[in-house]
Protein backbone atom coordinates (compact mmCIF):
# COMPACT_ATOMS: atom_id res chain seq x y z
CA MET A 1 -29.26 -27.82 -21.26
CA LYS A 2 -26.36 -28.46 -18.88
CA PRO A 3 -25.22 -25.44 -16.77
CA LYS A 4 -21.75 -24.12 -17.47
CA ARG A 5 -19.02 -24.90 -14.97
CA ARG A 6 -18.38 -21.28 -14.04
CA ASP A 7 -22.09 -20.78 -13.25
CA ILE A 8 -22.01 -23.77 -10.91
CA GLU A 9 -18.88 -22.49 -9.14
CA ARG A 10 -20.33 -19.04 -8.78
CA ARG A 11 -23.56 -20.39 -7.30
CA ASP A 12 -21.74 -22.65 -4.82
CA THR A 13 -19.40 -19.95 -3.53
CA PRO A 14 -20.78 -18.43 -0.31
CA ARG A 15 -20.84 -14.67 -0.11
CA ARG A 16 -19.10 -12.93 2.73
CA ASP A 17 -21.18 -10.78 5.02
CA THR A 18 -18.27 -8.51 5.80
CA THR A 19 -15.97 -7.26 3.11
CA ARG A 20 -12.24 -7.35 3.62
CA ARG A 21 -11.16 -3.94 2.54
CA VAL A 22 -7.79 -2.25 2.60
CA THR A 23 -8.59 0.84 4.60
CA PRO A 24 -6.41 3.96 4.57
CA GLU A 25 -5.57 3.32 8.24
CA LEU A 26 -4.43 -0.22 7.47
CA LEU A 27 -2.37 1.00 4.54
CA ASP A 28 -0.72 3.70 6.68
CA PHE A 29 0.07 1.14 9.37
CA HIS A 30 1.81 -1.18 6.92
CA ILE A 31 3.71 1.67 5.26
CA LYS A 32 5.01 2.85 8.64
CA ARG A 33 5.89 -0.70 9.70
CA ALA A 34 7.77 -1.30 6.45
CA HIS A 35 9.71 1.92 7.01
CA GLN A 36 10.60 0.84 10.57
CA LEU A 37 11.80 -2.54 9.37
CA ARG A 38 13.84 -0.96 6.58
CA VAL A 39 15.53 1.46 8.98
CA GLU A 40 16.27 -1.38 11.39
CA ALA A 41 17.77 -3.53 8.61
CA TRP A 42 20.07 -0.71 7.46
CA ARG A 43 21.16 -0.03 11.04
CA ASP A 44 21.95 -3.71 11.57
CA LEU A 45 23.87 -3.79 8.30
CA TRP A 46 26.08 -0.83 9.23
CA ARG A 47 26.66 -2.21 12.73
CA ALA A 48 27.76 -5.53 11.23
CA ILE A 49 30.12 -3.74 8.81
CA GLY A 50 31.55 -1.70 11.69
CA ALA A 51 32.05 -4.80 13.82
CA LEU A 52 33.76 -6.54 10.90
CA LEU A 53 36.12 -3.58 10.40
CA VAL A 54 36.98 -3.56 14.11
CA ARG A 55 37.76 -7.30 14.00
CA LEU A 56 39.90 -6.88 10.90
CA LYS A 57 41.75 -3.97 12.46
CA ARG A 58 42.48 -6.02 15.62
CA LEU A 59 43.67 -8.89 13.45
CA TRP A 60 46.35 -6.77 11.75
CA LEU A 61 47.55 -4.82 14.79
């Protein structure tokens, strides 16, 4: 009897010695980093809007 394809693939796939796990520390790091990036993006957005308003005001005065 011929072995099924999925059995062959499973047998040929090497197992990792170390598992790649999402640790609570890693999750906290990425949550904090995402928050920092979000705050920075909003700050840049409002600065750009302010700069645009200043340029428009100078244009009409």
